[in-house]
Protein backbone atom coordinates (compact mmCIF):
# COMPACT_ATOMS: atom_id res chain seq x y z
CA UNK A 1 -123.13 92.63 0.20
CA UNK A 2 -125.55 91.67 -2.55
CA UNK A 3 -125.67 88.23 -4.03
CA UNK A 4 -125.26 87.65 -7.71
CA UNK A 5 -127.68 84.75 -7.88
CA UNK A 6 -130.21 83.53 -5.39
CA UNK A 7 -128.97 80.49 -3.53
CA UNK A 8 -131.18 78.60 -1.14
CA UNK A 9 -130.64 79.79 2.41
CA UNK A 10 -128.45 82.79 1.57
CA UNK A 11 -131.17 85.37 2.21
CA UNK A 12 -132.09 83.61 5.43
CA UNK A 13 -128.49 83.64 6.64
CA UNK A 14 -128.19 87.34 5.86
CA UNK A 15 -131.42 88.02 7.73
CA UNK A 16 -130.18 86.01 10.72
CA UNK A 17 -126.92 87.97 10.75
CA UNK A 18 -128.84 91.25 10.62
CA UNK A 19 -131.13 90.30 13.50
CA UNK A 20 -128.28 88.90 15.58
CA UNK A 21 -126.37 92.18 15.43
CA UNK A 22 -129.49 94.22 16.17
CA UNK A 23 -130.39 92.04 19.16
CA UNK A 24 -126.80 92.39 20.38
CA UNK A 25 -126.98 96.19 20.36
CA UNK A 26 -130.38 96.14 22.03
CA UNK A 27 -129.07 93.82 24.75
CA UNK A 28 -126.22 96.24 25.43
CA UNK A 29 -128.83 98.82 26.46
CA UNK A 30 -130.21 96.54 29.16
CA UNK A 31 -129.04 96.76 32.77
CA UNK A 32 -128.26 93.09 33.41
CA UNK A 33 -128.61 93.64 37.15
CA UNK A 34 -132.37 93.87 36.56
CA UNK A 35 -132.71 90.80 34.36
CA UNK A 36 -134.87 88.13 36.05
CA UNK A 37 -133.13 84.81 36.66
CA UNK A 38 -135.50 83.06 34.26
CA UNK A 39 -134.35 85.37 31.44
CA UNK A 40 -130.66 85.49 32.31
CA UNK A 41 -129.57 82.91 29.74
CA UNK A 42 -131.55 84.42 26.81
CA UNK A 43 -130.10 87.87 27.56
CA UNK A 44 -126.58 86.48 27.79
CA UNK A 45 -127.04 84.74 24.45
CA UNK A 46 -128.43 87.96 22.99
CA UNK A 47 -125.23 89.67 24.13
CA UNK A 48 -123.37 87.32 21.80
CA UNK A 49 -125.42 88.46 18.84
CA UNK A 50 -122.24 90.20 17.72
CA UNK A 51 -121.38 86.83 16.16
CA UNK A 52 -123.66 88.01 13.36
CA UNK A 53 -120.69 90.03 12.08
CA UNK A 54 -118.91 86.74 11.44
CA UNK A 55 -121.96 85.48 9.53
CA UNK A 56 -121.79 88.56 7.29
CA UNK A 57 -118.12 87.96 6.52
CA UNK A 58 -118.53 84.26 5.77
CA UNK A 59 -121.59 84.96 3.64
CA UNK A 60 -119.80 87.67 1.64
CA UNK A 61 -116.84 85.39 1.02
CA UNK A 62 -119.20 82.62 -0.11
CA UNK A 63 -121.29 84.70 -2.51
CA UNK A 64 -118.61 86.94 -4.00
CA UNK A 65 -116.19 84.11 -4.73
CA UNK A 66 -118.60 81.85 -6.63
CA UNK A 67 -118.10 83.59 -10.03
CA UNK A 68 -114.33 83.34 -9.55
CA UNK A 69 -114.50 79.62 -8.76
CA UNK A 70 -116.81 78.92 -11.71
CA UNK A 71 -114.50 80.76 -14.10
CA UNK A 72 -111.42 79.03 -12.68
CA UNK A 73 -112.92 75.56 -13.05
CA UNK A 74 -113.84 76.23 -16.69
CA UNK A 75 -110.38 77.66 -17.46
CA UNK A 76 -112.04 80.97 -18.35
CA UNK A 77 -110.68 84.44 -17.59
CA UNK A 78 -111.68 85.68 -14.15
CA UNK A 79 -114.74 87.92 -13.87
CA UNK A 80 -114.18 91.54 -14.87
CA UNK A 81 -112.45 93.30 -11.99
CA UNK A 82 -113.91 96.59 -13.20
CA UNK A 83 -117.45 95.26 -12.89
CA UNK A 84 -116.58 93.55 -9.60
CA UNK A 85 -115.30 96.86 -8.20
CA UNK A 86 -118.28 98.82 -9.55
CA UNK A 87 -120.71 96.46 -7.86
CA UNK A 88 -118.90 96.63 -4.53
CA UNK A 89 -118.68 100.42 -4.67
CA UNK A 90 -122.34 100.80 -5.65
CA UNK A 91 -123.49 98.43 -2.92
CA UNK A 92 -121.42 99.74 -0.04
CA UNK A 93 -120.21 103.29 -0.42
CA UNK A 94 -123.36 105.45 -0.89
CA UNK A 95 -125.11 104.19 2.23
CA UNK A 96 -121.89 103.99 4.18
CA UNK A 97 -120.86 107.55 3.31
CA UNK A 98 -124.26 108.97 4.26
CA UNK A 99 -124.36 107.14 7.61
CA UNK A 100 -120.72 108.02 8.26
CA UNK A 101 -121.36 111.72 7.62
CA UNK A 102 -124.46 111.77 9.80
CA UNK A 103 -122.53 110.01 12.58
CA UNK A 104 -119.69 112.50 12.20
CA UNK A 105 -122.04 115.48 12.52
CA UNK A 106 -123.73 113.94 15.56
CA UNK A 107 -120.32 113.44 17.16
CA UNK A 108 -119.64 117.16 17.64
CA UNK A 109 -123.24 118.40 17.88
CA UNK A 110 -125.44 116.06 19.89
CA UNK A 111 -122.62 114.17 21.62
CA UNK A 112 -120.43 117.23 22.28
CA UNK A 113 -117.12 115.73 21.16
CA UNK A 114 -114.63 118.44 20.17
CA UNK A 115 -114.42 119.08 16.45
CA UNK A 116 -110.66 118.76 16.42
CA UNK A 117 -108.06 117.31 14.12
CA UNK A 118 -108.38 113.86 15.64
CA UNK A 119 -112.12 113.61 15.00
CA UNK A 120 -111.66 114.88 11.44
CA UNK A 121 -108.80 112.43 10.91
CA UNK A 122 -111.04 109.55 12.00
CA UNK A 123 -113.80 110.67 9.64
CA UNK A 124 -111.44 111.02 6.69
CA UNK A 125 -109.89 107.61 7.38
CA UNK A 126 -113.36 106.09 7.43
CA UNK A 127 -114.46 107.95 4.30
CA UNK A 128 -111.53 106.52 2.35
CA UNK A 129 -111.96 103.06 3.92
CA UNK A 130 -108.63 103.19 5.73
CA UNK A 131 -109.80 103.33 9.35
CA UNK A 132 -109.18 99.61 9.96
CA UNK A 133 -105.40 99.88 10.31
CA UNK A 134 -105.04 101.74 13.63
CA UNK A 135 -106.89 101.91 16.92
CA UNK A 136 -107.18 105.70 16.73
CA UNK A 137 -109.36 105.46 13.65
CA UNK A 138 -110.96 102.04 14.12
CA UNK A 139 -114.24 103.75 15.04
CA UNK A 140 -114.37 106.52 12.42
CA UNK A 141 -117.11 108.48 14.20
CA UNK A 142 -118.54 108.67 17.69
CA UNK A 143 -122.13 108.51 16.54
CA UNK A 144 -122.17 105.12 14.78
CA UNK A 145 -120.03 102.35 16.23
CA UNK A 146 -120.88 99.46 13.80
CA UNK A 147 -119.29 101.32 10.89
CA UNK A 148 -115.94 99.92 12.03
CA UNK A 149 -116.58 96.68 10.13
CA UNK A 150 -117.23 98.18 6.67
CA UNK A 151 -113.54 99.04 5.95
CA UNK A 152 -112.63 95.58 7.29
CA UNK A 153 -114.93 93.99 4.75
CA UNK A 154 -113.70 96.16 1.90
CA UNK A 155 -110.19 94.92 2.65
CA UNK A 156 -111.52 91.41 2.08
CA UNK A 157 -113.09 92.58 -1.18
CA UNK A 158 -109.62 93.64 -2.30
CA UNK A 159 -107.80 90.51 -1.17
CA UNK A 160 -110.31 88.11 -2.76
CA UNK A 161 -109.50 88.83 -6.44
CA UNK A 162 -105.79 89.02 -5.61
CA UNK A 163 -106.01 85.47 -4.29
CA UNK A 164 -107.76 84.27 -7.43
CA UNK A 165 -105.30 86.08 -9.68
CA UNK A 166 -102.58 84.04 -7.98
CA UNK A 167 -104.58 80.85 -8.53
CA UNK A 168 -104.99 81.76 -12.19
CA UNK A 169 -101.29 82.44 -12.60
CA UNK A 170 -100.50 78.78 -13.19
CA UNK A 171 -102.32 76.66 -15.74
CA UNK A 172 -101.94 73.48 -13.72
CA UNK A 173 -103.80 75.07 -10.84
CA UNK A 174 -107.11 74.83 -12.68
CA UNK A 175 -107.60 71.30 -11.35
CA UNK A 176 -110.51 71.79 -8.99
CA UNK A 177 -109.24 69.83 -5.95
CA UNK A 178 -105.78 71.41 -6.17
CA UNK A 179 -107.24 74.91 -6.36
CA UNK A 180 -109.26 74.28 -3.21
CA UNK A 181 -106.21 72.93 -1.42
CA UNK A 182 -104.29 76.02 -2.40
CA UNK A 183 -107.10 78.20 -1.05
CA UNK A 184 -106.60 76.46 2.28
CA UNK A 185 -103.07 77.82 2.03
CA UNK A 186 -104.60 81.29 1.63
CA UNK A 187 -106.58 80.78 4.83
CA UNK A 188 -103.40 79.62 6.54
CA UNK A 189 -101.50 82.66 5.26
CA UNK A 190 -104.22 84.93 6.68
CA UNK A 191 -103.93 83.22 10.05
CA UNK A 192 -100.15 83.59 9.97
CA UNK A 193 -100.51 87.28 9.12
CA UNK A 194 -102.96 87.70 11.97
CA UNK A 195 -100.56 86.00 14.39
CA UNK A 196 -97.71 88.29 13.32
CA UNK A 197 -99.87 91.38 13.84
CA UNK A 198 -101.05 90.26 17.27
CA UNK A 199 -97.54 89.27 18.31
CA UNK A 200 -95.54 92.22 17.03
CA UNK A 201 -97.97 95.15 16.92
CA UNK A 202 -99.59 95.26 20.36
CA UNK A 203 -101.39 98.29 21.76
CA UNK A 204 -100.29 99.93 25.00
CA UNK A 205 -102.37 99.91 28.18
CA UNK A 206 -102.85 103.68 28.50
CA UNK A 207 -106.60 104.45 28.61
CA UNK A 208 -107.33 101.02 27.28
CA UNK A 209 -110.83 99.63 27.82
CA UNK A 210 -114.44 100.49 27.06
CA UNK A 211 -114.64 102.75 30.11
CA UNK A 212 -112.63 105.21 27.99
CA UNK A 213 -115.14 105.26 25.15
CA UNK A 214 -114.80 104.11 21.55
CA UNK A 215 -111.07 104.71 21.31
CA UNK A 216 -110.42 102.92 24.59
CA UNK A 217 -112.53 100.08 23.24
CA UNK A 218 -110.55 100.13 20.01
CA UNK A 219 -107.35 99.65 22.01
CA UNK A 220 -109.03 96.77 23.80
CA UNK A 221 -110.00 95.15 20.50
CA UNK A 222 -106.82 95.70 18.55
CA UNK A 223 -104.63 94.03 17.48
CA UNK A 224 -106.89 90.96 17.75
CA UNK A 225 -109.35 92.85 15.56
CA UNK A 226 -107.43 93.38 12.34
CA UNK A 227 -108.36 93.08 8.63
CA UNK A 228 -106.04 90.15 7.97
CA UNK A 229 -107.60 88.03 10.69
CA UNK A 230 -111.06 88.91 9.42
CA UNK A 231 -109.99 87.88 5.94
CA UNK A 232 -109.39 84.47 7.50
CA UNK A 233 -113.10 84.41 8.41
CA UNK A 234 -114.06 85.68 4.94
CA UNK A 235 -111.79 83.10 3.27
CA UNK A 236 -113.58 80.25 5.03
CA UNK A 237 -116.75 81.31 3.24
CA UNK A 238 -114.76 81.43 0.00
CA UNK A 239 -113.56 77.87 0.55
CA UNK A 240 -117.13 76.70 1.18
CA UNK A 241 -118.17 78.26 -2.12
CA UNK A 242 -115.32 76.47 -3.86
CA UNK A 243 -116.50 73.13 -2.53
CA UNK A 244 -120.13 73.91 -3.35
CA UNK A 245 -119.33 74.82 -6.96
CA UNK A 246 -117.05 71.81 -7.38
CA UNK A 247 -119.57 69.26 -6.13
CA UNK A 248 -122.68 69.74 -8.24
CA UNK A 249 -124.95 67.58 -6.12
CA UNK A 250 -128.67 67.09 -6.63
CA UNK A 251 -131.08 68.21 -3.96
CA UNK A 252 -131.25 65.70 -1.16
CA UNK A 253 -132.62 65.48 2.41
CA UNK A 254 -129.06 64.62 3.41
CA UNK A 255 -128.15 68.28 2.95
CA UNK A 256 -131.07 69.32 5.13
CA UNK A 257 -129.57 67.18 7.88
CA UNK A 258 -126.11 68.64 7.28
CA UNK A 259 -127.51 72.17 7.50
CA UNK A 260 -129.32 71.38 10.75
CA UNK A 261 -126.18 69.86 12.26
CA UNK A 262 -124.22 72.94 11.19
CA UNK A 263 -126.78 75.18 12.88
CA UNK A 264 -126.49 73.12 16.06
CA UNK A 265 -122.70 73.47 15.92
CA UNK A 266 -123.05 77.24 15.49
CA UNK A 267 -125.34 77.50 18.50
CA UNK A 268 -122.90 75.35 20.48
CA UNK A 269 -120.07 77.73 19.60
CA UNK A 270 -122.09 80.66 20.93
CA UNK A 271 -123.11 78.84 24.11
CA UNK A 272 -119.50 77.77 24.68
CA UNK A 273 -118.53 81.45 24.75
CA UNK A 274 -120.67 82.16 27.81
CA UNK A 275 -118.47 83.15 30.72
CA UNK A 276 -115.71 84.47 28.49
CA UNK A 277 -115.09 87.77 26.77
CA UNK A 278 -118.06 89.23 24.95
CA UNK A 279 -116.05 89.15 21.72
CA UNK A 280 -115.75 85.36 21.89
CA UNK A 281 -112.05 85.22 21.09
CA UNK A 282 -111.06 81.87 19.59
CA UNK A 283 -107.91 80.51 17.94
CA UNK A 284 -105.11 83.06 17.79
CA UNK A 285 -107.42 85.60 19.41
CA UNK A 286 -109.69 85.89 16.35
CA UNK A 287 -113.15 86.91 17.60
CA UNK A 288 -116.56 85.32 17.28
CA UNK A 289 -115.80 81.71 18.17
CA UNK A 290 -113.18 81.18 15.48
CA UNK A 291 -112.94 78.70 13.83
CA UNK A 292 -115.94 76.63 14.95
CA UNK A 293 -118.60 79.29 14.43
CA UNK A 294 -117.53 80.48 10.94
CA UNK A 295 -117.01 76.86 9.89
CA UNK A 296 -120.55 76.04 11.01
CA UNK A 297 -121.88 78.99 9.00
CA UNK A 298 -119.83 77.94 5.96
CA UNK A 299 -121.11 74.36 6.11
CA UNK A 300 -124.70 75.60 6.36
CA UNK A 301 -124.15 77.83 3.32
CA UNK A 302 -122.70 74.87 1.43
CA UNK A 303 -125.61 72.59 2.30
CA UNK A 304 -128.67 74.83 2.05
CA UNK A 305 -128.61 75.42 -1.75
CA UNK A 306 -128.75 71.63 -2.23
CA UNK A 307 -131.23 70.90 0.54
CA UNK A 308 -134.56 69.37 -0.38
CA UNK A 309 -136.62 71.45 2.00
CA UNK A 310 -134.84 73.95 4.25
CA UNK A 311 -133.29 76.27 1.68
CA UNK A 312 -136.57 77.06 -0.04
CA UNK A 313 -138.60 77.31 3.16
CA UNK A 314 -136.14 79.53 5.00
CA UNK A 315 -135.84 81.97 2.10
CA UNK A 316 -139.38 83.23 2.53
CA UNK A 317 -140.69 86.74 1.92
CA UNK A 318 -139.79 87.92 5.41
CA UNK A 319 -136.23 86.63 5.12
CA UNK A 320 -135.83 88.26 1.72
CA UNK A 321 -137.15 91.57 2.99
CA UNK A 322 -134.80 91.59 5.99
CA UNK A 323 -131.90 90.53 3.77
CA UNK A 324 -132.65 93.37 1.33
CA UNK A 325 -132.65 96.08 4.00
CA UNK A 326 -129.99 94.47 6.20
CA UNK A 327 -127.20 96.82 5.18
CA UNK A 328 -129.29 99.89 6.02
CA UNK A 329 -130.38 98.33 9.29
CA UNK A 330 -126.76 97.60 10.15
CA UNK A 331 -125.33 101.05 9.44
CA UNK A 332 -128.21 103.03 11.02
CA UNK A 333 -129.08 101.04 14.13
CA UNK A 334 -126.50 102.57 16.45
CA UNK A 335 -127.43 106.08 15.37
CA UNK A 336 -131.04 105.44 16.40
CA UNK A 337 -130.13 103.69 19.65
CA UNK A 338 -127.61 106.32 20.73
CA UNK A 339 -129.94 109.18 19.88
CA UNK A 340 -132.77 107.60 21.85
CA UNK A 341 -130.54 107.28 24.89
CA UNK A 342 -129.20 110.83 24.51
CA UNK A 343 -132.49 112.58 23.82
CA UNK A 344 -134.63 110.44 26.11
CA UNK A 345 -132.45 109.41 29.08
CA UNK A 346 -135.27 107.35 30.56
CA UNK A 347 -135.43 105.05 27.52
CA UNK A 348 -134.57 101.36 27.82
CA UNK A 349 -135.90 101.35 31.37
CA UNK A 350 -133.27 103.64 32.88
CA UNK A 351 -134.46 104.92 36.25
CA UNK A 352 -137.72 103.00 35.99
CA UNK A 353 -139.24 100.64 38.53
CA UNK A 354 -139.93 98.32 35.61
CA UNK A 355 -136.54 98.18 33.88
CA UNK A 356 -137.36 95.09 31.85
CA UNK A 357 -140.66 96.50 30.63
CA UNK A 358 -139.06 99.83 29.76
CA UNK A 359 -136.27 98.09 27.89
CA UNK A 360 -138.72 95.95 25.94
CA UNK A 361 -140.89 98.95 24.96
CA UNK A 362 -137.91 101.04 23.88
CA UNK A 363 -136.42 98.09 21.99
CA UNK A 364 -139.67 97.58 20.09
CA UNK A 365 -139.89 101.27 19.17
CA UNK A 366 -136.23 101.35 18.17
CA UNK A 367 -136.60 98.24 15.99
CA UNK A 368 -139.53 99.77 14.10
CA UNK A 369 -137.61 103.01 13.53
CA UNK A 370 -134.44 101.20 12.49
CA UNK A 371 -136.21 99.00 9.96
CA UNK A 372 -138.10 102.01 8.61
CA UNK A 373 -134.83 103.88 8.07
CA UNK A 374 -133.18 100.76 6.66
CA UNK A 375 -136.03 100.35 4.19
CA UNK A 376 -135.82 103.99 3.12
CA UNK A 377 -132.07 103.67 2.73
CA UNK A 378 -132.51 100.66 0.47
CA UNK A 379 -135.40 102.06 -1.60
CA UNK A 380 -134.19 105.65 -1.99
CA UNK A 381 -130.41 105.26 -2.02
CA UNK A 382 -128.96 101.76 -2.24
CA UNK A 383 -131.20 100.19 -4.89
CA UNK A 384 -131.19 103.20 -7.26
CA UNK A 385 -127.38 103.36 -7.16
CA UNK A 386 -127.10 99.60 -7.76
CA UNK A 387 -129.47 99.85 -10.73
CA UNK A 388 -127.48 102.76 -12.11
CA UNK A 389 -124.30 100.75 -11.75
CA UNK A 390 -125.89 97.86 -13.65
CA UNK A 391 -126.71 100.12 -16.58
CA UNK A 392 -123.11 101.30 -16.61
CA UNK A 393 -121.96 97.67 -16.62
CA UNK A 394 -124.17 96.89 -19.61
CA UNK A 395 -122.82 99.91 -21.48
CA UNK A 396 -119.25 98.89 -20.70
CA UNK A 397 -119.93 95.32 -21.86
CA UNK A 398 -121.41 96.49 -25.17
CA UNK A 399 -118.40 98.75 -25.72
CA UNK A 400 -116.00 95.87 -25.16
CA UNK A 401 -117.96 93.56 -27.49
CA UNK A 402 -118.05 96.24 -30.19
């Protein structure tokens, strides 16, 4: 989920998504029966930090599609699919595979799940990025729940160039407005595909629900959680990038105002979800306040690069640091949180007279550990592999030119 070129506000949005998901998982460790009335609303909002997943998808669609839009508008060949694939593989797979394997080992050691064919099948499906197609494999390991979304996102990585290859198939489609209108058709097609999946591929009610663990939760989520529906979220970010590249506007305070209004709309979408399902199901059962919340994120991403003030201020050193390590933070946070709860049952205030204080202390310790591991993952694994991939790209480019 790297960005090819720094755009104002992009690092900030990635940092916000990272922190939202982390706060969500921390809030899940709190016994809400012990939350003081004065803090009830903040904790409920923290519970909806899972909307950060939607931010990640919109942001990826926005950033990854920009080179395709720029090439399309100039009637140039699309970006090299080989280089595109190499960059996605280098960015995602090394860290994902390591976290997946650690989570798999924890599943049958620390968490005492039987090392049977089903657990191995889930791991293999995750390893080959195919776990997103069935509830049995949706959570590829027991030791790291958030890994479910990585195969979902890689499906979007595959569908994105396919969509642009279709746009490039007709010469008349290079007209910028028409291409954007046709991409709206792609969003519509994704929504239709999602509706067909939800309508005709339901899950049964046997051991369905989070009380039955990850697989029961997977049955609860699916079929509303499916890769085609999530591509609809991703494609909204792609459309925003298409508009942003088409309208080469100068920096203006107007875009600061637009970004602020978009942020207000995003907050409204989260607040409007209070009282409903924690997944915030929206149109057609697509989660995370669809379509208002992803549209708000997309509009903010469109406006911030052209803002006179916000984009540059928000992309400060802290935002860039969090954005850099966000992938490691995302894939390792549940491992840390689950291990803390397993090895230290009293953590997060369990059994304490001061539940809130215990939760806060454990959350602070967990956050420090998670960011430390995320930083190590980025410095020792993710960045070296990405740099290696870049050298391979340069070699491949020189070979082609020769």
